[in-house]
């Protein structure tokens, strides 16, 4: 007698969810860690736009050291700028390890003042301009413009959502399939009246429920902590999330389709997830790469998901903005799943 498919799917979903819930460390890495990362990075990057920096006042002779010490005692903006007396020989190491952001010689004498910093460091460059204007007594003519979604934490949150979805699919589905095969549990399942389609359907449904829970918790905590609101369509966001879940579920099935060694599966998963950190626009924009690489990286499925999420959450995007990336994600997921099913072995 064959089991009824709806009952089978429901029981497999409950089994998958219970197996997930009984592992506290899994709950932490899937749900708690993204929230903790958002909190930490939000506190670091979401601070007041006021200048806060440690600046080395350089002295190469005893006379310069005495003059620098006297100037530091009366230096302006002591609350936000930490002035440190330092020799020129010690500056390169201090810049390298981040003890100071930049250095300055004779800040009290405009004609003799010289700045030392790495121009590729955007924080040091911004501090240089602000400190130079402050020391020269120029009025602050900046007019800060508050833009919805313009903070770094607004840029970062969609990337963390996508990263969590990719990691949860790869490790929660791909590695789980390999471990089930390694423990010979897939062979036992195949010996029952279980249809493979019901098995994969239950696995996808359980992973989708967990991923929606993760997304809601991360969006909710970000709204409470950093006042981040979804500017676009919630319906478009839900459809995009479903498309991303399908895409990376299919890829996870393909990765877990053949091997019965978890060490091999971990290597394959790392090969997929590590580039996500570097070239998919999660922590920094792709404009930092050469133009010929930007086009390649923007075609990666995780990048499609990150850009579309950012468009909906921060820029007010709707259905028309997610249609193309969602279709591409669904196509990639469908192709990966069909190939994975064809290659898949239960023993």
Foldseek 3Di string as FASTA:
>chain_A
DFDDLVVLLVVLLVVLLVVQVVDVVSCCVLAVVLLVVLVVVCVVFVDDPDAAWEEEEEDADPVQQVVVVVCQVVPPPVVRYHYHYDYPVCVVVCCVVVVGQWYWYPLQDVVPIDIGHDPVPPSSVVVVVVVVCVSVVHDPPDDDDDAFLPTLSSLQLLLSLLLSLLVCLQCVQQLVLLQCLLVLVLVVVVVHSDDPVSNLVSSLVSSLVSSVVSVVSNQVSCCVPPVFFFQADPVLVVLLSSLLSLLSNLLSLLLNADHNDSVSSVVVSCVVNVVSVPQQSNNHHNVVDPPVVVVVSCPDLSNLSSVLSSCRRGVHDYNVSNVVSSVVSNVNSVVSNVVSVVRHDSD
